[in-house]
PDB file of N, CA and C in Angstrom:
ATOM      1  N   MET A   1      10.871  -7.556  14.774  1.00  0.00           N
ATOM      2  CA  MET A   1       9.978  -6.600  14.131  1.00  0.00           C
ATOM      3  C   MET A   1       9.895  -6.885  12.632  1.00  0.00           C
ATOM      4  N   MET A   2      11.060  -7.115  11.991  1.00  0.00           N
ATOM      5  CA  MET A   2      11.089  -7.377  10.558  1.00  0.00           C
ATOM      6  C   MET A   2      10.362  -8.690  10.243  1.00  0.00           C
ATOM      7  N   LYS A   3      10.544  -9.712  11.103  1.00  0.00           N
ATOM      8  CA  LYS A   3       9.876 -10.994  10.886  1.00  0.00           C
ATOM      9  C   LYS A   3       8.362 -10.822  10.938  1.00  0.00           C
ATOM     10  N   ARG A   4       7.887 -10.001  11.894  1.00  0.00           N
ATOM     11  CA  ARG A   4       6.457  -9.783  12.033  1.00  0.00           C
ATOM     12  C   ARG A   4       5.900  -9.092  10.795  1.00  0.00           C
ATOM     13  N   ASN A   5       6.625  -8.114  10.252  1.00  0.00           N
ATOM     14  CA  ASN A   5       6.166  -7.415   9.049  1.00  0.00           C
ATOM     15  C   ASN A   5       6.113  -8.364   7.856  1.00  0.00           C
ATOM     16  N   ILE A   6       7.117  -9.220   7.737  1.00  0.00           N
ATOM     17  CA  ILE A   6       7.154 -10.182   6.631  1.00  0.00           C
ATOM     18  C   ILE A   6       6.009 -11.173   6.767  1.00  0.00           C
ATOM     19  N   MET A   7       5.786 -11.667   7.983  1.00  0.00           N
ATOM     20  CA  MET A   7       4.703 -12.619   8.214  1.00  0.00           C
ATOM     21  C   MET A   7       3.347 -11.972   7.919  1.00  0.00           C
ATOM     22  N   LEU A   8       3.172 -10.716   8.323  1.00  0.00           N
ATOM     23  CA  LEU A   8       1.931 -10.009   8.065  1.00  0.00           C
ATOM     24  C   LEU A   8       1.709  -9.841   6.566  1.00  0.00           C
ATOM     25  N   ALA A   9       2.755  -9.473   5.840  1.00  0.00           N
ATOM     26  CA  ALA A   9       2.654  -9.304   4.384  1.00  0.00           C
ATOM     27  C   ALA A   9       2.300 -10.636   3.718  1.00  0.00           C
ATOM     28  N   LEU A  10       2.916 -11.730   4.178  1.00  0.00           N
ATOM     29  CA  LEU A  10       2.613 -13.047   3.617  1.00  0.00           C
ATOM     30  C   LEU A  10       1.172 -13.454   3.920  1.00  0.00           C
ATOM     31  N   LEU A  11       0.713 -13.191   5.130  1.00  0.00           N
ATOM     32  CA  LEU A  11      -0.651 -13.521   5.515  1.00  0.00           C
ATOM     33  C   LEU A  11      -1.655 -12.740   4.676  1.00  0.00           C
ATOM     34  N   ILE A  12      -1.400 -11.459   4.481  1.00  0.00           N
ATOM     35  CA  ILE A  12      -2.280 -10.637   3.641  1.00  0.00           C
ATOM     36  C   ILE A  12      -2.296 -11.177   2.221  1.00  0.00           C
ATOM     37  N   THR A  13      -1.117 -11.547   1.697  1.00  0.00           N
ATOM     38  CA  THR A  13      -1.013 -12.077   0.339  1.00  0.00           C
ATOM     39  C   THR A  13      -1.811 -13.364   0.203  1.00  0.00           C
ATOM     40  N   VAL A  14      -1.703 -14.255   1.176  1.00  0.00           N
ATOM     41  CA  VAL A  14      -2.436 -15.517   1.131  1.00  0.00           C
ATOM     42  C   VAL A  14      -3.938 -15.256   1.120  1.00  0.00           C
ATOM     43  N   PHE A  15      -4.408 -14.350   1.977  1.00  0.00           N
ATOM     44  CA  PHE A  15      -5.832 -14.041   2.014  1.00  0.00           C
ATOM     45  C   PHE A  15      -6.305 -13.451   0.693  1.00  0.00           C
ATOM     46  N   VAL A  16      -5.528 -12.552   0.127  1.00  0.00           N
ATOM     47  CA  VAL A  16      -5.913 -11.925  -1.141  1.00  0.00           C
ATOM     48  C   VAL A  16      -5.943 -12.957  -2.255  1.00  0.00           C
ATOM     49  N   LEU A  17      -4.927 -13.819  -2.326  1.00  0.00           N
ATOM     50  CA  LEU A  17      -4.871 -14.835  -3.374  1.00  0.00           C
ATOM     51  C   LEU A  17      -6.008 -15.843  -3.250  1.00  0.00           C
ATOM     52  N   ASN A  18      -6.442 -16.115  -2.048  1.00  0.00           N
ATOM     53  CA  ASN A  18      -7.537 -17.052  -1.842  1.00  0.00           C
ATOM     54  C   ASN A  18      -8.912 -16.398  -1.933  1.00  0.00           C
ATOM     55  N   GLY A  19      -8.946 -15.109  -2.173  1.00  0.00           N
ATOM     56  CA  GLY A  19     -10.211 -14.405  -2.333  1.00  0.00           C
ATOM     57  C   GLY A  19     -10.943 -14.167  -1.023  1.00  0.00           C
ATOM     58  N   ILE A  20     -10.250 -14.259   0.092  1.00  0.00           N
ATOM     59  CA  ILE A  20     -10.887 -14.073   1.389  1.00  0.00           C
ATOM     60  C   ILE A  20     -11.109 -12.599   1.674  1.00  0.00           C
ATOM     61  N   VAL A  21     -10.207 -11.770   1.199  1.00  0.00           N
ATOM     62  CA  VAL A  21     -10.295 -10.341   1.471  1.00  0.00           C
ATOM     63  C   VAL A  21     -11.049  -9.656   0.342  1.00  0.00           C
ATOM     64  N   THR A  22     -11.993  -8.815   0.710  1.00  0.00           N
ATOM     65  CA  THR A  22     -12.673  -7.983  -0.276  1.00  0.00           C
ATOM     66  C   THR A  22     -12.266  -6.550   0.001  1.00  0.00           C
ATOM     67  N   THR A  23     -12.117  -5.777  -1.047  1.00  0.00           N
ATOM     68  CA  THR A  23     -11.697  -4.396  -0.864  1.00  0.00           C
ATOM     69  C   THR A  23     -12.862  -3.464  -1.136  1.00  0.00           C
ATOM     70  N   THR A  24     -12.886  -2.388  -0.422  1.00  0.00           N
ATOM     71  CA  THR A  24     -13.896  -1.358  -0.595  1.00  0.00           C
ATOM     72  C   THR A  24     -13.177  -0.051  -0.875  1.00  0.00           C
ATOM     73  N   LEU A  25     -13.551   0.597  -1.957  1.00  0.00           N
ATOM     74  CA  LEU A  25     -12.951   1.884  -2.269  1.00  0.00           C
ATOM     75  C   LEU A  25     -13.550   2.931  -1.347  1.00  0.00           C
ATOM     76  N   ARG A  26     -12.695   3.722  -0.750  1.00  0.00           N
ATOM     77  CA  ARG A  26     -13.177   4.798   0.101  1.00  0.00           C
ATOM     78  C   ARG A  26     -12.212   5.966   0.013  1.00  0.00           C
ATOM     79  N   GLU A  27     -12.745   7.123   0.242  1.00  0.00           N
ATOM     80  CA  GLU A  27     -11.952   8.348   0.200  1.00  0.00           C
ATOM     81  C   GLU A  27     -11.103   8.439   1.467  1.00  0.00           C
ATOM     82  N   THR A  28      -9.811   8.695   1.299  1.00  0.00           N
ATOM     83  CA  THR A  28      -8.928   8.891   2.441  1.00  0.00           C
ATOM     84  C   THR A  28      -8.920  10.377   2.775  1.00  0.00           C
ATOM     85  N   PRO A  29      -9.147  10.728   4.042  1.00  0.00           N
ATOM     86  CA  PRO A  29      -9.122  12.144   4.395  1.00  0.00           C
ATOM     87  C   PRO A  29      -7.779  12.778   4.041  1.00  0.00           C
ATOM     88  N   LYS A  30      -7.822  13.975   3.496  1.00  0.00           N
ATOM     89  CA  LYS A  30      -6.586  14.630   3.070  1.00  0.00           C
ATOM     90  C   LYS A  30      -5.621  14.831   4.230  1.00  0.00           C
ATOM     91  N   SER A  31      -6.138  15.022   5.440  1.00  0.00           N
ATOM     92  CA  SER A  31      -5.266  15.213   6.595  1.00  0.00           C
ATOM     93  C   SER A  31      -4.491  13.945   6.933  1.00  0.00           C
ATOM     94  N   ALA A  32      -5.001  12.773   6.508  1.00  0.00           N
ATOM     95  CA  ALA A  32      -4.338  11.510   6.815  1.00  0.00           C
ATOM     96  C   ALA A  32      -3.270  11.161   5.784  1.00  0.00           C
ATOM     97  N   VAL A  33      -3.278  11.851   4.652  1.00  0.00           N
ATOM     98  CA  VAL A  33      -2.327  11.527   3.588  1.00  0.00           C
ATOM     99  C   VAL A  33      -0.997  12.214   3.857  1.00  0.00           C
ATOM    100  N   THR A  34       0.047  11.401   3.885  1.00  0.00           N
ATOM    101  CA  THR A  34       1.397  11.921   4.041  1.00  0.00           C
ATOM    102  C   THR A  34       2.187  11.490   2.817  1.00  0.00           C
ATOM    103  N   ARG A  35       2.818  12.390   2.164  1.00  0.00           N
ATOM    104  CA  ARG A  35       3.560  12.063   0.953  1.00  0.00           C
ATOM    105  C   ARG A  35       5.039  11.897   1.245  1.00  0.00           C
ATOM    106  N   GLN A  36       5.664  11.072   0.424  1.00  0.00           N
ATOM    107  CA  GLN A  36       7.107  10.947   0.517  1.00  0.00           C
ATOM    108  C   GLN A  36       7.758  12.195  -0.050  1.00  0.00           C
ATOM    109  N   SER A  37       8.968  12.458   0.359  1.00  0.00           N
ATOM    110  CA  SER A  37       9.649  13.655  -0.106  1.00  0.00           C
ATOM    111  C   SER A  37      10.241  13.464  -1.495  1.00  0.00           C
ATOM    112  N   GLY A  38      10.058  12.299  -2.106  1.00  0.00           N
ATOM    113  CA  GLY A  38      10.604  12.040  -3.427  1.00  0.00           C
ATOM    114  C   GLY A  38      11.883  11.227  -3.368  1.00  0.00           C
ATOM    115  N   LYS A  39      12.414  10.998  -2.185  1.00  0.00           N
ATOM    116  CA  LYS A  39      13.611  10.181  -2.049  1.00  0.00           C
ATOM    117  C   LYS A  39      13.202   8.715  -2.064  1.00  0.00           C
ATOM    118  N   CYS A  40      13.922   7.922  -2.840  1.00  0.00           N
ATOM    119  CA  CYS A  40      13.559   6.515  -2.974  1.00  0.00           C
ATOM    120  C   CYS A  40      14.058   5.665  -1.812  1.00  0.00           C
ATOM    121  N   ASP A  41      14.856   6.205  -0.929  1.00  0.00           N
ATOM    122  CA  ASP A  41      15.365   5.405   0.175  1.00  0.00           C
ATOM    123  C   ASP A  41      14.431   5.421   1.379  1.00  0.00           C
ATOM    124  N   LYS A  42      13.319   6.138   1.301  1.00  0.00           N
ATOM    125  CA  LYS A  42      12.371   6.183   2.421  1.00  0.00           C
ATOM    126  C   LYS A  42      11.595   4.882   2.501  1.00  0.00           C
ATOM    127  N   LYS A  43      11.050   4.616   3.653  1.00  0.00           N
ATOM    128  CA  LYS A  43      10.326   3.367   3.871  1.00  0.00           C
ATOM    129  C   LYS A  43       8.820   3.567   3.912  1.00  0.00           C
ATOM    130  N   GLY A  44       8.334   4.514   3.139  1.00  0.00           N
ATOM    131  CA  GLY A  44       6.900   4.743   3.063  1.00  0.00           C
ATOM    132  C   GLY A  44       6.458   5.943   3.872  1.00  0.00           C
ATOM    133  N   PRO A  45       5.192   6.302   3.716  1.00  0.00           N
ATOM    134  CA  PRO A  45       4.660   7.465   4.417  1.00  0.00           C
ATOM    135  C   PRO A  45       4.518   7.196   5.912  1.00  0.00           C
ATOM    136  N   THR A  46       5.007   8.089   6.716  1.00  0.00           N
ATOM    137  CA  THR A  46       4.866   7.944   8.167  1.00  0.00           C
ATOM    138  C   THR A  46       4.520   9.288   8.771  1.00  0.00           C
ATOM    139  N   PRO A  47       3.651   9.401   9.725  1.00  0.00           N
ATOM    140  CA  PRO A  47       2.760   8.309  10.115  1.00  0.00           C
ATOM    141  C   PRO A  47       1.702   8.109   9.038  1.00  0.00           C
ATOM    142  N   CYS A  48       1.028   6.996   9.092  1.00  0.00           N
ATOM    143  CA  CYS A  48      -0.023   6.751   8.107  1.00  0.00           C
ATOM    144  C   CYS A  48      -1.280   6.269   8.820  1.00  0.00           C
ATOM    145  N   ALA A  49      -2.405   6.450   8.171  1.00  0.00           N
ATOM    146  CA  ALA A  49      -3.695   6.083   8.761  1.00  0.00           C
ATOM    147  C   ALA A  49      -3.973   4.604   8.512  1.00  0.00           C
ATOM    148  N   HIS A  50      -4.333   3.867   9.562  1.00  0.00           N
ATOM    149  CA  HIS A  50      -4.595   2.432   9.446  1.00  0.00           C
ATOM    150  C   HIS A  50      -5.634   2.159   8.365  1.00  0.00           C
ATOM    151  N   GLY A  51      -5.308   1.246   7.462  1.00  0.00           N
ATOM    152  CA  GLY A  51      -6.216   0.874   6.387  1.00  0.00           C
ATOM    153  C   GLY A  51      -6.100   1.721   5.135  1.00  0.00           C
ATOM    154  N   ALA A  52      -5.302   2.783   5.188  1.00  0.00           N
ATOM    155  CA  ALA A  52      -5.170   3.676   4.031  1.00  0.00           C
ATOM    156  C   ALA A  52      -4.162   3.122   3.026  1.00  0.00           C
ATOM    157  N   PHE A  53      -4.271   3.577   1.783  1.00  0.00           N
ATOM    158  CA  PHE A  53      -3.367   3.191   0.711  1.00  0.00           C
ATOM    159  C   PHE A  53      -2.649   4.436   0.209  1.00  0.00           C
ATOM    160  N   TYR A  54      -1.359   4.290  -0.100  1.00  0.00           N
ATOM    161  CA  TYR A  54      -0.540   5.395  -0.577  1.00  0.00           C
ATOM    162  C   TYR A  54       0.294   4.947  -1.764  1.00  0.00           C
ATOM    163  N   GLU A  55       0.525   5.852  -2.685  1.00  0.00           N
ATOM    164  CA  GLU A  55       1.366   5.523  -3.837  1.00  0.00           C
ATOM    165  C   GLU A  55       2.829   5.503  -3.433  1.00  0.00           C
ATOM    166  N   ASP A  56       3.608   4.712  -4.138  1.00  0.00           N
ATOM    167  CA  ASP A  56       5.062   4.732  -4.003  1.00  0.00           C
ATOM    168  C   ASP A  56       5.541   5.713  -5.063  1.00  0.00           C
ATOM    169  N   THR A  57       6.088   6.836  -4.636  1.00  0.00           N
ATOM    170  CA  THR A  57       6.463   7.886  -5.585  1.00  0.00           C
ATOM    171  C   THR A  57       7.675   7.519  -6.423  1.00  0.00           C
ATOM    172  N   CYS A  58       8.351   6.434  -6.063  1.00  0.00           N
ATOM    173  CA  CYS A  58       9.557   6.030  -6.792  1.00  0.00           C
ATOM    174  C   CYS A  58       9.303   4.873  -7.758  1.00  0.00           C
ATOM    175  N   ASP A  59       8.267   4.083  -7.533  1.00  0.00           N
ATOM    176  CA  ASP A  59       7.998   2.904  -8.354  1.00  0.00           C
ATOM    177  C   ASP A  59       6.489   2.776  -8.537  1.00  0.00           C
ATOM    178  N   LYS A  60       6.014   3.037  -9.726  1.00  0.00           N
ATOM    179  CA  LYS A  60       4.581   3.032 -10.004  1.00  0.00           C
ATOM    180  C   LYS A  60       3.961   1.635  -9.928  1.00  0.00           C
ATOM    181  N   THR A  61       4.781   0.574  -9.895  1.00  0.00           N
ATOM    182  CA  THR A  61       4.252  -0.783  -9.815  1.00  0.00           C
ATOM    183  C   THR A  61       4.079  -1.245  -8.366  1.00  0.00           C
ATOM    184  N   LYS A  62       4.316  -0.338  -7.415  1.00  0.00           N
ATOM    185  CA  LYS A  62       4.189  -0.676  -5.997  1.00  0.00           C
ATOM    186  C   LYS A  62       3.373   0.396  -5.276  1.00  0.00           C
ATOM    187  N   TYR A  63       2.845   0.033  -4.120  1.00  0.00           N
ATOM    188  CA  TYR A  63       2.083   0.960  -3.300  1.00  0.00           C
ATOM    189  C   TYR A  63       2.274   0.576  -1.834  1.00  0.00           C
ATOM    190  N   TYR A  64       1.790   1.403  -0.939  1.00  0.00           N
ATOM    191  CA  TYR A  64       1.869   1.123   0.493  1.00  0.00           C
ATOM    192  C   TYR A  64       0.466   0.929   1.051  1.00  0.00           C
ATOM    193  N   HIS A  65       0.306  -0.082   1.877  1.00  0.00           N
ATOM    194  CA  HIS A  65      -0.939  -0.302   2.614  1.00  0.00           C
ATOM    195  C   HIS A  65      -0.590  -0.105   4.078  1.00  0.00           C
ATOM    196  N   CYS A  66      -1.279   0.797   4.735  1.00  0.00           N
ATOM    197  CA  CYS A  66      -0.971   1.112   6.126  1.00  0.00           C
ATOM    198  C   CYS A  66      -1.657   0.106   7.049  1.00  0.00           C
ATOM    199  N   VAL A  67      -0.843  -0.612   7.829  1.00  0.00           N
ATOM    200  CA  VAL A  67      -1.349  -1.603   8.766  1.00  0.00           C
ATOM    201  C   VAL A  67      -0.868  -1.214  10.159  1.00  0.00           C
ATOM    202  N   TRP A  68      -1.815  -0.842  11.021  1.00  0.00           N
ATOM    203  CA  TRP A  68      -1.502  -0.409  12.386  1.00  0.00           C
ATOM    204  C   TRP A  68      -0.448   0.692  12.401  1.00  0.00           C
ATOM    205  N   LYS A  69      -0.650   1.712  11.557  1.00  0.00           N
ATOM    206  CA  LYS A  69       0.193   2.909  11.455  1.00  0.00           C
ATOM    207  C   LYS A  69       1.591   2.639  10.918  1.00  0.00           C
ATOM    208  N   LYS A  70       1.797   1.459  10.313  1.00  0.00           N
ATOM    209  CA  LYS A  70       3.085   1.110   9.694  1.00  0.00           C
ATOM    210  C   LYS A  70       2.845   0.875   8.206  1.00  0.00           C
ATOM    211  N   PRO A  71       3.604   1.544   7.326  1.00  0.00           N
ATOM    212  CA  PRO A  71       3.431   1.318   5.893  1.00  0.00           C
ATOM    213  C   PRO A  71       4.041  -0.025   5.466  1.00  0.00           C
ATOM    214  N   VAL A  72       3.256  -0.827   4.737  1.00  0.00           N
ATOM    215  CA  VAL A  72       3.723  -2.112   4.225  1.00  0.00           C
ATOM    216  C   VAL A  72       3.755  -1.990   2.705  1.00  0.00           C
ATOM    217  N   LYS A  73       4.942  -2.165   2.109  1.00  0.00           N
ATOM    218  CA  LYS A  73       5.092  -2.036   0.657  1.00  0.00           C
ATOM    219  C   LYS A  73       4.524  -3.275  -0.021  1.00  0.00           C
ATOM    220  N   MET A  74       3.638  -3.048  -0.993  1.00  0.00           N
ATOM    221  CA  MET A  74       2.975  -4.132  -1.696  1.00  0.00           C
ATOM    222  C   MET A  74       3.178  -3.967  -3.203  1.00  0.00           C
ATOM    223  N   PRO A  75       3.327  -5.068  -3.943  1.00  0.00           N
ATOM    224  CA  PRO A  75       3.472  -4.978  -5.400  1.00  0.00           C
ATOM    225  C   PRO A  75       2.119  -5.076  -6.100  1.00  0.00           C
ATOM    226  N   CYS A  76       2.016  -4.417  -7.245  1.00  0.00           N
ATOM    227  CA  CYS A  76       0.859  -4.625  -8.110  1.00  0.00           C
ATOM    228  C   CYS A  76       1.100  -5.909  -8.901  1.00  0.00           C
ATOM    229  N   PRO A  77       0.045  -6.584  -9.345  1.00  0.00           N
ATOM    230  CA  PRO A  77       0.237  -7.743 -10.216  1.00  0.00           C
ATOM    231  C   PRO A  77       0.971  -7.334 -11.498  1.00  0.00           C
ATOM    232  N   ALA A  78       1.609  -8.284 -12.129  1.00  0.00           N
ATOM    233  CA  ALA A  78       2.413  -8.028 -13.337  1.00  0.00           C
ATOM    234  C   ALA A  78       1.614  -7.270 -14.398  1.00  0.00           C
ATOM    235  N   GLY A  79       2.223  -6.221 -14.932  1.00  0.00           N
ATOM    236  CA  GLY A  79       1.621  -5.437 -15.999  1.00  0.00           C
ATOM    237  C   GLY A  79       0.734  -4.294 -15.525  1.00  0.00           C
ATOM    238  N   LEU A  80       0.452  -4.221 -14.217  1.00  0.00           N
ATOM    239  CA  LEU A  80      -0.414  -3.175 -13.695  1.00  0.00           C
ATOM    240  C   LEU A  80       0.407  -2.130 -12.939  1.00  0.00           C
ATOM    241  N   VAL A  81      -0.163  -0.931 -12.800  1.00  0.00           N
ATOM    242  CA  VAL A  81       0.479   0.155 -12.055  1.00  0.00           C
ATOM    243  C   VAL A  81      -0.510   0.691 -11.029  1.00  0.00           C
ATOM    244  N   TRP A  82       0.013   1.292  -9.963  1.00  0.00           N
ATOM    245  CA  TRP A  82      -0.831   1.851  -8.913  1.00  0.00           C
ATOM    246  C   TRP A  82      -1.435   3.168  -9.372  1.00  0.00           C
ATOM    247  N   LYS A  83      -2.729   3.339  -9.144  1.00  0.00           N
ATOM    248  CA  LYS A  83      -3.416   4.591  -9.459  1.00  0.00           C
ATOM    249  C   LYS A  83      -4.056   5.101  -8.168  1.00  0.00           C
ATOM    250  N   GLN A  84      -3.482   6.158  -7.622  1.00  0.00           N
ATOM    251  CA  GLN A  84      -3.927   6.707  -6.343  1.00  0.00           C
ATOM    252  C   GLN A  84      -5.360   7.219  -6.403  1.00  0.00           C
ATOM    253  N   ALA A  85      -5.766   7.750  -7.546  1.00  0.00           N
ATOM    254  CA  ALA A  85      -7.114   8.322  -7.674  1.00  0.00           C
ATOM    255  C   ALA A  85      -8.205   7.288  -7.412  1.00  0.00           C
ATOM    256  N   ILE A  86      -7.937   6.028  -7.747  1.00  0.00           N
ATOM    257  CA  ILE A  86      -8.926   4.972  -7.519  1.00  0.00           C
ATOM    258  C   ILE A  86      -8.439   3.958  -6.483  1.00  0.00           C
ATOM    259  N   THR A  87      -7.297   4.235  -5.882  1.00  0.00           N
ATOM    260  CA  THR A  87      -6.651   3.408  -4.851  1.00  0.00           C
ATOM    261  C   THR A  87      -6.665   1.921  -5.175  1.00  0.00           C
ATOM    262  N   THR A  88      -6.162   1.614  -6.364  1.00  0.00           N
ATOM    263  CA  THR A  88      -6.025   0.222  -6.779  1.00  0.00           C
ATOM    264  C   THR A  88      -5.015   0.122  -7.913  1.00  0.00           C
ATOM    265  N   CYS A  89      -4.575  -1.099  -8.197  1.00  0.00           N
ATOM    266  CA  CYS A  89      -3.701  -1.338  -9.346  1.00  0.00           C
ATOM    267  C   CYS A  89      -4.595  -1.425 -10.577  1.00  0.00           C
ATOM    268  N   ASP A  90      -4.127  -0.861 -11.690  1.00  0.00           N
ATOM    269  CA  ASP A  90      -4.941  -0.808 -12.903  1.00  0.00           C
ATOM    270  C   ASP A  90      -4.011  -0.852 -14.098  1.00  0.00           C
ATOM    271  N   TRP A  91      -4.606  -1.046 -15.271  1.00  0.00           N
ATOM    272  CA  TRP A  91      -3.818  -1.044 -16.492  1.00  0.00           C
ATOM    273  C   TRP A  91      -3.238   0.350 -16.731  1.00  0.00           C
ATOM    274  N   PRO A  92      -1.992   0.432 -17.216  1.00  0.00           N
ATOM    275  CA  PRO A  92      -1.385   1.770 -17.462  1.00  0.00           C
ATOM    276  C   PRO A  92      -2.099   2.546 -18.551  1.00  0.00           C
TER     277      PRO A  92
END
């Protein structure tokens, strides 16, 4: 299971770095948003809506992308922070 998650994260990273993936900003339904309780030892929002993005409440330089109802922790590029309001990494 862990190998599959790592491989999926690497595959997504390769596609993003090669410009194959395009992102579309869309509103996530409030019913689909699940927040962390503030504990940093959690592994992301569960359950989560496929394709949705969630902030990491413990580290502003990271976010979660929900892939098949499993949260995948993703880093923002260096110097950027996650902004939930626009669901993307942006300058602080």
